[in-house]
Amino acid sequence: MDLGPHAAFILWAYAITVAAVAALVAWVLADQRRQERRLAELEARGITRRSSRARVKPAKPKAASPSHG
């Protein structure tokens, strides 16, 4: 495969792009582990997620009081 006179530029551009994407993936995975650890620490202290609580049906709205006028 002949990339022409710009072969070095093209290959470096691909290499830098691959490195940047790999760094972003590593950062996201590390952040996920960190967030899971923090969540486990909070749950160990008794603080739970709102999404894990049982859903409570909302109270029925009260009937409007008749107007005096």
N, C-alpha and C. Protein backbone atom coordinates (compact mmCIF):
# COMPACT_ATOMS: atom_id res chain seq x y z
N MET A 1 0.86 -1.16 0.00
CA MET A 1 0.00 0.00 0.00
C MET A 1 0.91 1.23 0.00
N ASP A 2 0.72 2.06 -0.97
CA ASP A 2 1.52 3.28 -1.11
C ASP A 2 0.71 4.47 -0.60
N LEU A 3 1.19 5.11 0.45
CA LEU A 3 0.50 6.26 1.02
C LEU A 3 1.03 7.57 0.45
N GLY A 4 1.98 7.49 -0.44
CA GLY A 4 2.50 8.69 -1.08
C GLY A 4 3.46 9.45 -0.19
N PRO A 5 3.69 10.69 -0.54
CA PRO A 5 4.68 11.48 0.18
C PRO A 5 4.25 11.86 1.61
N HIS A 6 3.00 11.66 1.93
CA HIS A 6 2.49 12.04 3.25
C HIS A 6 2.31 10.83 4.18
N ALA A 7 2.98 9.74 3.86
CA ALA A 7 2.82 8.51 4.62
C ALA A 7 3.13 8.70 6.11
N ALA A 8 4.20 9.38 6.41
CA ALA A 8 4.58 9.57 7.82
C ALA A 8 3.49 10.33 8.57
N PHE A 9 2.98 11.39 7.96
CA PHE A 9 1.92 12.18 8.58
C PHE A 9 0.67 11.33 8.82
N ILE A 10 0.29 10.56 7.82
CA ILE A 10 -0.91 9.72 7.92
C ILE A 10 -0.75 8.68 9.04
N LEU A 11 0.40 8.01 9.06
CA LEU A 11 0.63 6.98 10.07
C LEU A 11 0.68 7.58 11.48
N TRP A 12 1.34 8.72 11.63
CA TRP A 12 1.37 9.38 12.93
C TRP A 12 -0.02 9.83 13.36
N ALA A 13 -0.81 10.32 12.42
CA ALA A 13 -2.17 10.76 12.75
C ALA A 13 -2.99 9.58 13.25
N TYR A 14 -2.88 8.44 12.59
CA TYR A 14 -3.60 7.25 13.04
C TYR A 14 -3.09 6.79 14.41
N ALA A 15 -1.78 6.80 14.60
CA ALA A 15 -1.19 6.36 15.87
C ALA A 15 -1.65 7.26 17.02
N ILE A 16 -1.66 8.56 16.80
CA ILE A 16 -2.09 9.49 17.84
C ILE A 16 -3.58 9.32 18.13
N THR A 17 -4.37 9.10 17.10
CA THR A 17 -5.80 8.89 17.29
C THR A 17 -6.08 7.63 18.09
N VAL A 18 -5.39 6.55 17.74
CA VAL A 18 -5.56 5.29 18.48
C VAL A 18 -5.14 5.47 19.93
N ALA A 19 -4.03 6.16 20.17
CA ALA A 19 -3.57 6.40 21.55
C ALA A 19 -4.58 7.24 22.32
N ALA A 20 -5.14 8.27 21.68
CA ALA A 20 -6.11 9.13 22.36
C ALA A 20 -7.38 8.36 22.71
N VAL A 21 -7.88 7.55 21.79
CA VAL A 21 -9.08 6.77 22.05
C VAL A 21 -8.81 5.74 23.16
N ALA A 22 -7.65 5.11 23.12
CA ALA A 22 -7.29 4.14 24.17
C ALA A 22 -7.20 4.82 25.53
N ALA A 23 -6.65 6.02 25.57
CA ALA A 23 -6.55 6.76 26.83
C ALA A 23 -7.94 7.12 27.35
N LEU A 24 -8.84 7.52 26.46
CA LEU A 24 -10.20 7.86 26.88
C LEU A 24 -10.93 6.63 27.42
N VAL A 25 -10.76 5.50 26.76
CA VAL A 25 -11.41 4.26 27.23
C VAL A 25 -10.86 3.89 28.61
N ALA A 26 -9.54 3.98 28.78
CA ALA A 26 -8.93 3.67 30.08
C ALA A 26 -9.44 4.62 31.15
N TRP A 27 -9.57 5.89 30.83
CA TRP A 27 -10.05 6.90 31.78
C TRP A 27 -11.49 6.59 32.20
N VAL A 28 -12.34 6.25 31.24
CA VAL A 28 -13.74 5.94 31.54
C VAL A 28 -13.83 4.69 32.42
N LEU A 29 -13.05 3.67 32.12
CA LEU A 29 -13.09 2.45 32.92
C LEU A 29 -12.58 2.72 34.34
N ALA A 30 -11.52 3.51 34.48
CA ALA A 30 -11.00 3.85 35.80
C ALA A 30 -12.02 4.66 36.58
N ASP A 31 -12.68 5.59 35.92
CA ASP A 31 -13.70 6.40 36.58
C ASP A 31 -14.88 5.55 37.02
N GLN A 32 -15.25 4.57 36.20
CA GLN A 32 -16.35 3.67 36.56
C GLN A 32 -16.00 2.91 37.84
N ARG A 33 -14.78 2.38 37.91
CA ARG A 33 -14.37 1.66 39.12
C ARG A 33 -14.37 2.58 40.33
N ARG A 34 -13.89 3.80 40.15
CA ARG A 34 -13.85 4.76 41.25
C ARG A 34 -15.27 5.09 41.73
N GLN A 35 -16.20 5.30 40.80
CA GLN A 35 -17.58 5.61 41.18
C GLN A 35 -18.24 4.43 41.87
N GLU A 36 -17.98 3.22 41.40
CA GLU A 36 -18.55 2.04 42.05
C GLU A 36 -18.02 1.89 43.47
N ARG A 37 -16.72 2.19 43.68
CA ARG A 37 -16.15 2.14 45.02
C ARG A 37 -16.79 3.17 45.93
N ARG A 38 -16.96 4.39 45.43
CA ARG A 38 -17.59 5.44 46.23
C ARG A 38 -19.03 5.08 46.57
N LEU A 39 -19.74 4.49 45.62
CA LEU A 39 -21.12 4.08 45.86
C LEU A 39 -21.17 2.99 46.92
N ALA A 40 -20.25 2.04 46.86
CA ALA A 40 -20.21 0.97 47.85
C ALA A 40 -19.92 1.53 49.24
N GLU A 41 -19.03 2.53 49.32
CA GLU A 41 -18.73 3.16 50.60
C GLU A 41 -19.97 3.86 51.17
N LEU A 42 -20.70 4.56 50.31
CA LEU A 42 -21.91 5.24 50.77
C LEU A 42 -22.96 4.24 51.24
N GLU A 43 -23.14 3.16 50.48
CA GLU A 43 -24.12 2.15 50.86
C GLU A 43 -23.71 1.47 52.16
N ALA A 44 -22.40 1.30 52.38
CA ALA A 44 -21.93 0.69 53.63
C ALA A 44 -22.24 1.59 54.83
N ARG A 45 -22.30 2.90 54.60
CA ARG A 45 -22.64 3.84 55.67
C ARG A 45 -24.15 3.98 55.84
N GLY A 46 -24.92 3.29 55.02
CA GLY A 46 -26.37 3.33 55.15
C GLY A 46 -27.05 4.30 54.20
N ILE A 47 -26.28 4.95 53.36
CA ILE A 47 -26.88 5.87 52.38
C ILE A 47 -27.17 5.07 51.13
N THR A 48 -28.45 5.04 50.75
CA THR A 48 -28.83 4.23 49.59
C THR A 48 -29.26 5.12 48.43
N ARG A 49 -29.32 4.50 47.28
CA ARG A 49 -29.76 5.20 46.08
C ARG A 49 -31.27 5.34 46.08
N ARG A 50 -31.75 6.46 45.61
CA ARG A 50 -33.19 6.66 45.51
C ARG A 50 -33.81 5.67 44.53
N SER A 51 -33.07 5.29 43.51
CA SER A 51 -33.63 4.39 42.51
C SER A 51 -33.82 2.98 43.05
N SER A 52 -33.14 2.64 44.15
CA SER A 52 -33.27 1.29 44.70
C SER A 52 -34.40 1.19 45.71
N ARG A 53 -34.96 2.31 46.12
CA ARG A 53 -36.08 2.29 47.06
C ARG A 53 -37.34 1.80 46.36
N ALA A 54 -38.23 1.21 47.16
CA ALA A 54 -39.50 0.76 46.60
C ALA A 54 -40.29 1.99 46.14
N ARG A 55 -40.90 1.86 45.02
CA ARG A 55 -41.68 2.98 44.50
C ARG A 55 -42.97 3.11 45.31
N VAL A 56 -43.23 4.31 45.73
CA VAL A 56 -44.43 4.60 46.50
C VAL A 56 -45.40 5.31 45.58
N LYS A 57 -46.66 4.86 45.62
CA LYS A 57 -47.66 5.51 44.78
C LYS A 57 -47.90 6.92 45.30
N PRO A 58 -47.98 7.90 44.41
CA PRO A 58 -48.23 9.26 44.87
C PRO A 58 -49.62 9.37 45.48
N ALA A 59 -49.75 10.23 46.46
CA ALA A 59 -51.04 10.43 47.13
C ALA A 59 -52.01 11.05 46.14
N LYS A 60 -53.29 10.70 46.33
CA LYS A 60 -54.31 11.28 45.46
C LYS A 60 -54.47 12.75 45.80
N PRO A 61 -54.63 13.59 44.81
CA PRO A 61 -54.81 15.01 45.11
C PRO A 61 -56.11 15.23 45.86
N LYS A 62 -56.08 16.18 46.79
CA LYS A 62 -57.27 16.49 47.58
C LYS A 62 -58.28 17.21 46.69
N ALA A 63 -59.54 16.97 47.01
CA ALA A 63 -60.60 17.64 46.25
C ALA A 63 -60.53 19.13 46.51
N ALA A 64 -60.75 19.90 45.50
CA ALA A 64 -60.71 21.35 45.65
C ALA A 64 -61.87 21.81 46.54
N SER A 65 -61.57 22.72 47.43
CA SER A 65 -62.61 23.22 48.30
C SER A 65 -63.52 24.16 47.50
N PRO A 66 -64.83 24.14 47.78
CA PRO A 66 -65.73 25.00 47.04
C PRO A 66 -65.41 26.46 47.30
N SER A 67 -65.50 27.23 46.29
CA SER A 67 -65.20 28.67 46.43
C SER A 67 -66.39 29.38 47.06
N HIS A 68 -66.10 30.36 47.84
CA HIS A 68 -67.14 31.15 48.49
C HIS A 68 -67.31 32.45 47.76
N GLY A 69 -68.00 32.47 46.74
CA GLY A 69 -68.12 33.77 46.16
C GLY A 69 -68.78 33.83 44.93
